[in-house]
Amino acid sequence: MYIPAHFADNDTASLHQLIAAHPFGVLVSHTASGLDANHLPCHLDTAQGPLGTLHLHVARANALWRELADGDPVLVVFSAGDAYVSPSWYPSKHEAHRQVPTWNYSVAHAHGRVTIRDDERYLRGVVARLTRTHEAGEEKPWKMSDAPADFTDTLLKAIVGIEIEITRLEGKRKLSQNKDVRDIEGAGHTLVARGHEALGQAMLAEAQRKQS
């Protein structure tokens, strides 16, 4: 990924936070069949390994787990949102007209080594952790024991686990850091008003940081 210095996020804790908040990743692999991309929910264990470990699963019918071998390199891409930015949102544009459109976004790239985990105990743990995390905000959180045991057992046999030890983390937060504070604020407020709350607020926070 091309990362100009002013857009780089090299802070592991910051990138872990992005992954935890946006855990639906794109797993990119290169096997004998060529390049492949799978969109999968991931659970990040920050305490497992120097940079953390990702836990996920795929359908047994998905050829990916058969085509990958333990130790193969993979890439998982996580996005915290993106949006078009019009030059009209920059106050300076209306004075000098020296601005052009762009696209802002925040992403984390987790490079790692894969281990195929085709065992029921591992899968129960992955599903349980994903469930606890994403059911936490429900009035009556669903848990695995809510379903009949034989039904759950059957479904677990239909999936295969994948564990990814993260070996390198890259982050890019393109938030108009190369612009003047008033231009960052102008675009940030417009994005918030148009429903891109997280990205707009991130830009406003960047403007505040730049002023301090």
C-alpha atoms as a PDB file:
ATOM      1  CA  MET A   1       0.000   0.000   0.000  1.00  0.00           C
ATOM      2  CA  TYR A   2       1.313   3.447  -0.915  1.00  0.00           C
ATOM      3  CA  ILE A   3       1.460   5.511   2.293  1.00  0.00           C
ATOM      4  CA  PRO A   4       2.745   9.101   2.216  1.00  0.00           C
ATOM      5  CA  ALA A   5       4.298   9.980   5.563  1.00  0.00           C
ATOM      6  CA  HIS A   6       1.550  12.454   6.521  1.00  0.00           C
ATOM      7  CA  PHE A   7      -1.136   9.750   6.083  1.00  0.00           C
ATOM      8  CA  ALA A   8       0.711   6.945   7.896  1.00  0.00           C
ATOM      9  CA  ASP A   9      -0.633   5.332  11.068  1.00  0.00           C
ATOM     10  CA  ASN A  10       2.179   3.327  12.637  1.00  0.00           C
ATOM     11  CA  ASP A  11       0.621   2.943  16.078  1.00  0.00           C
ATOM     12  CA  THR A  12      -0.241  -0.684  16.844  1.00  0.00           C
ATOM     13  CA  ALA A  13      -2.862   0.201  19.455  1.00  0.00           C
ATOM     14  CA  SER A  14      -4.567   2.577  17.020  1.00  0.00           C
ATOM     15  CA  LEU A  15      -4.665  -0.073  14.303  1.00  0.00           C
ATOM     16  CA  HIS A  16      -5.960  -2.689  16.741  1.00  0.00           C
ATOM     17  CA  GLN A  17      -8.743  -0.277  17.656  1.00  0.00           C
ATOM     18  CA  LEU A  18      -9.663   0.189  13.994  1.00  0.00           C
ATOM     19  CA  ILE A  19      -9.793  -3.590  13.443  1.00  0.00           C
ATOM     20  CA  ALA A  20     -11.873  -4.184  16.569  1.00  0.00           C
ATOM     21  CA  ALA A  21     -14.354  -1.478  15.559  1.00  0.00           C
ATOM     22  CA  HIS A  22     -14.559  -2.676  11.936  1.00  0.00           C
ATOM     23  CA  PRO A  23     -13.921  -6.449  12.099  1.00  0.00           C
ATOM     24  CA  PHE A  24     -15.395  -7.396   8.711  1.00  0.00           C
ATOM     25  CA  GLY A  25     -12.183  -7.912   6.757  1.00  0.00           C
ATOM     26  CA  VAL A  26     -11.165  -8.854   3.232  1.00  0.00           C
ATOM     27  CA  LEU A  27      -8.847 -11.864   3.339  1.00  0.00           C
ATOM     28  CA  VAL A  28      -6.558 -11.738   0.297  1.00  0.00           C
ATOM     29  CA  SER A  29      -4.595 -14.869  -0.593  1.00  0.00           C
ATOM     30  CA  HIS A  30      -2.526 -16.202  -3.471  1.00  0.00           C
ATOM     31  CA  THR A  31      -2.915 -19.924  -4.074  1.00  0.00           C
ATOM     32  CA  ALA A  32      -2.435 -22.303  -6.988  1.00  0.00           C
ATOM     33  CA  SER A  33      -5.787 -21.062  -8.278  1.00  0.00           C
ATOM     34  CA  GLY A  34      -4.542 -17.448  -8.344  1.00  0.00           C
ATOM     35  CA  LEU A  35      -5.530 -14.396  -6.333  1.00  0.00           C
ATOM     36  CA  ASP A  36      -8.580 -14.770  -4.115  1.00  0.00           C
ATOM     37  CA  ALA A  37     -10.492 -12.412  -1.815  1.00  0.00           C
ATOM     38  CA  ASN A  38     -12.965 -13.492   0.857  1.00  0.00           C
ATOM     39  CA  HIS A  39     -15.069 -11.151   2.996  1.00  0.00           C
ATOM     40  CA  LEU A  40     -15.135 -12.487   6.559  1.00  0.00           C
ATOM     41  CA  PRO A  41     -15.847 -11.367  10.145  1.00  0.00           C
ATOM     42  CA  CYS A  42     -12.701 -11.586  12.280  1.00  0.00           C
ATOM     43  CA  HIS A  43     -11.952 -11.698  15.975  1.00  0.00           C
ATOM     44  CA  LEU A  44      -8.701  -9.993  17.004  1.00  0.00           C
ATOM     45  CA  ASP A  45      -6.816 -11.318  20.019  1.00  0.00           C
ATOM     46  CA  THR A  46      -4.369  -8.525  20.838  1.00  0.00           C
ATOM     47  CA  ALA A  47      -2.654 -10.584  23.549  1.00  0.00           C
ATOM     48  CA  GLN A  48      -1.686 -13.457  21.245  1.00  0.00           C
ATOM     49  CA  GLY A  49       1.631 -12.636  19.581  1.00  0.00           C
ATOM     50  CA  PRO A  50       3.568  -9.356  19.319  1.00  0.00           C
ATOM     51  CA  LEU A  51       1.053  -7.804  16.876  1.00  0.00           C
ATOM     52  CA  GLY A  52      -1.993  -9.906  17.695  1.00  0.00           C
ATOM     53  CA  THR A  53      -3.746 -12.838  16.046  1.00  0.00           C
ATOM     54  CA  LEU A  54      -6.901 -12.967  13.924  1.00  0.00           C
ATOM     55  CA  HIS A  55      -9.435 -15.781  14.303  1.00  0.00           C
ATOM     56  CA  LEU A  56     -12.086 -16.463  11.670  1.00  0.00           C
ATOM     57  CA  HIS A  57     -13.874 -19.222   9.821  1.00  0.00           C
ATOM     58  CA  VAL A  58     -15.037 -20.097   6.317  1.00  0.00           C
ATOM     59  CA  ALA A  59     -17.635 -22.466   4.935  1.00  0.00           C
ATOM     60  CA  ARG A  60     -16.305 -25.987   4.493  1.00  0.00           C
ATOM     61  CA  ALA A  61     -17.537 -25.728   0.892  1.00  0.00           C
ATOM     62  CA  ASN A  62     -15.130 -22.813   0.348  1.00  0.00           C
ATOM     63  CA  ALA A  63     -12.023 -24.186  -1.389  1.00  0.00           C
ATOM     64  CA  LEU A  64      -9.836 -21.568   0.308  1.00  0.00           C
ATOM     65  CA  TRP A  65      -8.992 -23.669   3.366  1.00  0.00           C
ATOM     66  CA  ARG A  66      -7.870 -26.579   1.185  1.00  0.00           C
ATOM     67  CA  GLU A  67      -5.749 -24.379  -1.072  1.00  0.00           C
ATOM     68  CA  LEU A  68      -3.920 -22.669   1.792  1.00  0.00           C
ATOM     69  CA  ALA A  69      -1.120 -24.420   3.645  1.00  0.00           C
ATOM     70  CA  ASP A  70      -0.007 -23.662   7.182  1.00  0.00           C
ATOM     71  CA  GLY A  71       2.518 -20.838   7.104  1.00  0.00           C
ATOM     72  CA  ASP A  72       1.268 -19.330   3.834  1.00  0.00           C
ATOM     73  CA  PRO A  73       1.314 -15.501   3.738  1.00  0.00           C
ATOM     74  CA  VAL A  74      -2.028 -13.684   3.583  1.00  0.00           C
ATOM     75  CA  LEU A  75      -3.303 -10.128   3.844  1.00  0.00           C
ATOM     76  CA  VAL A  76      -6.467  -8.980   5.617  1.00  0.00           C
ATOM     77  CA  VAL A  77      -7.795  -5.495   4.811  1.00  0.00           C
ATOM     78  CA  PHE A  78     -10.019  -3.601   7.257  1.00  0.00           C
ATOM     79  CA  SER A  79     -11.795  -0.348   6.375  1.00  0.00           C
ATOM     80  CA  ALA A  80     -13.140   2.270   8.770  1.00  0.00           C
ATOM     81  CA  GLY A  81     -15.095   4.071   6.060  1.00  0.00           C
ATOM     82  CA  ASP A  82     -14.509   6.288   3.045  1.00  0.00           C
ATOM     83  CA  ALA A  83     -16.093   9.258   1.286  1.00  0.00           C
ATOM     84  CA  TYR A  84     -15.676  11.608  -1.648  1.00  0.00           C
ATOM     85  CA  VAL A  85     -14.435  15.090  -0.725  1.00  0.00           C
ATOM     86  CA  SER A  86     -15.418  18.019  -2.935  1.00  0.00           C
ATOM     87  CA  PRO A  87     -13.009  20.968  -3.313  1.00  0.00           C
ATOM     88  CA  SER A  88     -16.027  23.203  -2.709  1.00  0.00           C
ATOM     89  CA  TRP A  89     -15.932  22.176   0.961  1.00  0.00           C
ATOM     90  CA  TYR A  90     -12.559  23.872   1.409  1.00  0.00           C
ATOM     91  CA  PRO A  91     -12.837  27.602   2.249  1.00  0.00           C
ATOM     92  CA  SER A  92      -9.535  28.249   0.450  1.00  0.00           C
ATOM     93  CA  LYS A  93     -11.013  26.991  -2.823  1.00  0.00           C
ATOM     94  CA  HIS A  94     -13.317  30.006  -2.987  1.00  0.00           C
ATOM     95  CA  GLU A  95     -10.342  32.349  -2.683  1.00  0.00           C
ATOM     96  CA  ALA A  96      -7.603  30.849  -4.848  1.00  0.00           C
ATOM     97  CA  HIS A  97      -9.430  28.016  -6.690  1.00  0.00           C
ATOM     98  CA  ARG A  98      -6.362  25.812  -6.218  1.00  0.00           C
ATOM     99  CA  GLN A  99      -8.069  22.662  -4.903  1.00  0.00           C
ATOM    100  CA  VAL A 100      -9.213  19.435  -6.554  1.00  0.00           C
ATOM    101  CA  PRO A 101     -11.525  16.549  -5.543  1.00  0.00           C
ATOM    102  CA  THR A 102     -10.165  13.681  -3.462  1.00  0.00           C
ATOM    103  CA  TRP A 103     -11.295  10.614  -1.527  1.00  0.00           C
ATOM    104  CA  ASN A 104     -10.655  10.216   2.203  1.00  0.00           C
ATOM    105  CA  TYR A 105     -10.560   6.944   4.139  1.00  0.00           C
ATOM    106  CA  SER A 106      -9.020   4.986   6.992  1.00  0.00           C
ATOM    107  CA  VAL A 107      -7.717   1.437   6.552  1.00  0.00           C
ATOM    108  CA  ALA A 108      -5.557  -1.164   8.281  1.00  0.00           C
ATOM    109  CA  HIS A 109      -3.663  -3.912   6.465  1.00  0.00           C
ATOM    110  CA  ALA A 110      -2.794  -6.982   8.533  1.00  0.00           C
ATOM    111  CA  HIS A 111      -0.125  -9.182   6.932  1.00  0.00           C
ATOM    112  CA  GLY A 112       0.268 -12.591   8.474  1.00  0.00           C
ATOM    113  CA  ARG A 113       0.835 -16.334   8.356  1.00  0.00           C
ATOM    114  CA  VAL A 114      -2.096 -18.686   8.237  1.00  0.00           C
ATOM    115  CA  THR A 115      -2.876 -21.848  10.188  1.00  0.00           C
ATOM    116  CA  ILE A 116      -5.867 -23.998   9.214  1.00  0.00           C
ATOM    117  CA  ARG A 117      -7.838 -25.046  12.306  1.00  0.00           C
ATOM    118  CA  ASP A 118     -10.208 -27.864  11.435  1.00  0.00           C
ATOM    119  CA  ASP A 119     -11.190 -28.847  14.968  1.00  0.00           C
ATOM    120  CA  GLU A 120     -14.475 -28.415  16.789  1.00  0.00           C
ATOM    121  CA  ARG A 121     -13.048 -26.955  20.008  1.00  0.00           C
ATOM    122  CA  TYR A 122     -11.335 -24.140  18.148  1.00  0.00           C
ATOM    123  CA  LEU A 123     -14.451 -23.423  16.085  1.00  0.00           C
ATOM    124  CA  ARG A 124     -16.692 -23.299  19.152  1.00  0.00           C
ATOM    125  CA  GLY A 125     -14.346 -20.741  20.661  1.00  0.00           C
ATOM    126  CA  VAL A 126     -14.280 -18.577  17.526  1.00  0.00           C
ATOM    127  CA  VAL A 127     -18.063 -18.592  17.132  1.00  0.00           C
ATOM    128  CA  ALA A 128     -18.606 -17.966  20.850  1.00  0.00           C
ATOM    129  CA  ARG A 129     -16.251 -14.962  20.889  1.00  0.00           C
ATOM    130  CA  LEU A 130     -17.754 -13.456  17.746  1.00  0.00           C
ATOM    131  CA  THR A 131     -21.228 -13.958  19.172  1.00  0.00           C
ATOM    132  CA  ARG A 132     -20.426 -12.410  22.565  1.00  0.00           C
ATOM    133  CA  THR A 133     -18.832  -9.389  20.916  1.00  0.00           C
ATOM    134  CA  HIS A 134     -21.580  -8.622  18.439  1.00  0.00           C
ATOM    135  CA  GLU A 135     -24.560  -9.593  20.590  1.00  0.00           C
ATOM    136  CA  ALA A 136     -23.354  -7.441  23.503  1.00  0.00           C
ATOM    137  CA  GLY A 137     -25.581  -4.511  22.548  1.00  0.00           C
ATOM    138  CA  GLU A 138     -28.764  -6.563  22.254  1.00  0.00           C
ATOM    139  CA  GLU A 139     -31.425  -6.467  24.947  1.00  0.00           C
ATOM    140  CA  LYS A 140     -31.340 -10.267  25.169  1.00  0.00           C
ATOM    141  CA  PRO A 141     -28.008 -11.364  23.673  1.00  0.00           C
ATOM    142  CA  TRP A 142     -28.139 -14.610  21.697  1.00  0.00           C
ATOM    143  CA  LYS A 143     -25.723 -17.305  22.795  1.00  0.00           C
ATOM    144  CA  MET A 144     -24.805 -20.653  21.313  1.00  0.00           C
ATOM    145  CA  SER A 145     -26.696 -22.572  23.992  1.00  0.00           C
ATOM    146  CA  ASP A 146     -29.953 -20.950  22.813  1.00  0.00           C
ATOM    147  CA  ALA A 147     -29.950 -23.343  19.837  1.00  0.00           C
ATOM    148  CA  PRO A 148     -30.404 -27.108  20.172  1.00  0.00           C
ATOM    149  CA  ALA A 149     -27.054 -28.862  20.643  1.00  0.00           C
ATOM    150  CA  ASP A 150     -27.528 -31.203  17.676  1.00  0.00           C
ATOM    151  CA  PHE A 151     -28.370 -28.234  15.439  1.00  0.00           C
ATOM    152  CA  THR A 152     -25.229 -26.346  16.538  1.00  0.00           C
ATOM    153  CA  ASP A 153     -23.076 -29.454  16.150  1.00  0.00           C
ATOM    154  CA  THR A 154     -24.270 -29.885  12.565  1.00  0.00           C
ATOM    155  CA  LEU A 155     -23.502 -26.283  11.653  1.00  0.00           C
ATOM    156  CA  LEU A 156     -20.043 -26.412  13.238  1.00  0.00           C
ATOM    157  CA  LYS A 157     -19.208 -29.358  11.005  1.00  0.00           C
ATOM    158  CA  ALA A 158     -19.972 -27.131   8.013  1.00  0.00           C
ATOM    159  CA  ILE A 159     -17.226 -24.580   8.773  1.00  0.00           C
ATOM    160  CA  VAL A 160     -13.426 -24.568   9.091  1.00  0.00           C
ATOM    161  CA  GLY A 161     -11.346 -22.252  11.252  1.00  0.00           C
ATOM    162  CA  ILE A 162      -8.495 -20.029  10.109  1.00  0.00           C
ATOM    163  CA  GLU A 163      -5.952 -18.505  12.474  1.00  0.00           C
ATOM    164  CA  ILE A 164      -3.703 -15.696  11.239  1.00  0.00           C
ATOM    165  CA  GLU A 165      -0.644 -14.615  13.203  1.00  0.00           C
ATOM    166  CA  ILE A 166      -0.131 -10.960  12.316  1.00  0.00           C
ATOM    167  CA  THR A 167       3.466 -10.338  11.249  1.00  0.00           C
ATOM    168  CA  ARG A 168       3.119  -6.773   9.965  1.00  0.00           C
ATOM    169  CA  LEU A 169       0.536  -4.013  10.412  1.00  0.00           C
ATOM    170  CA  GLU A 170       0.133  -1.053   8.061  1.00  0.00           C
ATOM    171  CA  GLY A 171      -2.255   1.817   8.561  1.00  0.00           C
ATOM    172  CA  LYS A 172      -3.350   4.702   6.383  1.00  0.00           C
ATOM    173  CA  ARG A 173      -5.643   7.483   7.554  1.00  0.00           C
ATOM    174  CA  LYS A 174      -6.204   9.909   4.691  1.00  0.00           C
ATOM    175  CA  LEU A 175      -7.928  12.794   6.468  1.00  0.00           C
ATOM    176  CA  SER A 176      -6.704  15.837   4.501  1.00  0.00           C
ATOM    177  CA  GLN A 177      -3.723  16.210   6.856  1.00  0.00           C
ATOM    178  CA  ASN A 178      -1.885  17.968   4.020  1.00  0.00           C
ATOM    179  CA  LYS A 179      -4.476  20.792   4.019  1.00  0.00           C
ATOM    180  CA  ASP A 180      -4.833  23.920   6.146  1.00  0.00           C
ATOM    181  CA  VAL A 181      -6.803  23.536   9.386  1.00  0.00           C
ATOM    182  CA  ARG A 182      -9.771  25.539   8.094  1.00  0.00           C
ATOM    183  CA  ASP A 183      -9.985  23.320   5.008  1.00  0.00           C
ATOM    184  CA  ILE A 184      -9.880  20.135   7.089  1.00  0.00           C
ATOM    185  CA  GLU A 185     -12.626  21.539   9.306  1.00  0.00           C
ATOM    186  CA  GLY A 186     -14.746  22.625   6.351  1.00  0.00           C
ATOM    187  CA  ALA A 187     -14.661  19.175   4.774  1.00  0.00           C
ATOM    188  CA  GLY A 188     -15.030  17.434   8.134  1.00  0.00           C
ATOM    189  CA  HIS A 189     -18.174  19.354   9.095  1.00  0.00           C
ATOM    190  CA  THR A 190     -19.688  18.708   5.657  1.00  0.00           C
ATOM    191  CA  LEU A 191     -19.058  14.962   5.913  1.00  0.00           C
ATOM    192  CA  VAL A 192     -20.679  14.853   9.357  1.00  0.00           C
ATOM    193  CA  ALA A 193     -23.711  16.748   8.033  1.00  0.00           C
ATOM    194  CA  ARG A 194     -24.007  14.291   5.128  1.00  0.00           C
ATOM    195  CA  GLY A 195     -23.978  11.190   7.294  1.00  0.00           C
ATOM    196  CA  HIS A 196     -20.294  10.244   7.248  1.00  0.00           C
ATOM    197  CA  GLU A 197     -20.087  10.787  11.004  1.00  0.00           C
ATOM    198  CA  ALA A 198     -17.012   8.697  11.841  1.00  0.00           C
ATOM    199  CA  LEU A 199     -14.866   9.949   8.976  1.00  0.00           C
ATOM    200  CA  GLY A 200     -15.939  13.568   9.478  1.00  0.00           C
ATOM    201  CA  GLN A 201     -15.235  13.428  13.214  1.00  0.00           C
ATOM    202  CA  ALA A 202     -11.835  11.887  12.524  1.00  0.00           C
ATOM    203  CA  MET A 203     -11.024  14.845  10.271  1.00  0.00           C
ATOM    204  CA  LEU A 204     -12.169  17.329  12.897  1.00  0.00           C
ATOM    205  CA  ALA A 205      -9.984  15.584  15.474  1.00  0.00           C
ATOM    206  CA  GLU A 206      -7.068  15.835  13.049  1.00  0.00           C
ATOM    207  CA  ALA A 207      -7.712  19.569  12.616  1.00  0.00           C
ATOM    208  CA  GLN A 208      -7.701  20.009  16.390  1.00  0.00           C
ATOM    209  CA  ARG A 209      -4.462  18.017  16.701  1.00  0.00           C
ATOM    210  CA  LYS A 210      -2.850  20.136  14.002  1.00  0.00           C
ATOM    211  CA  GLN A 211      -3.716  23.316  15.912  1.00  0.00           C
ATOM    212  CA  SER A 212      -2.217  22.098  19.198  1.00  0.00           C
END
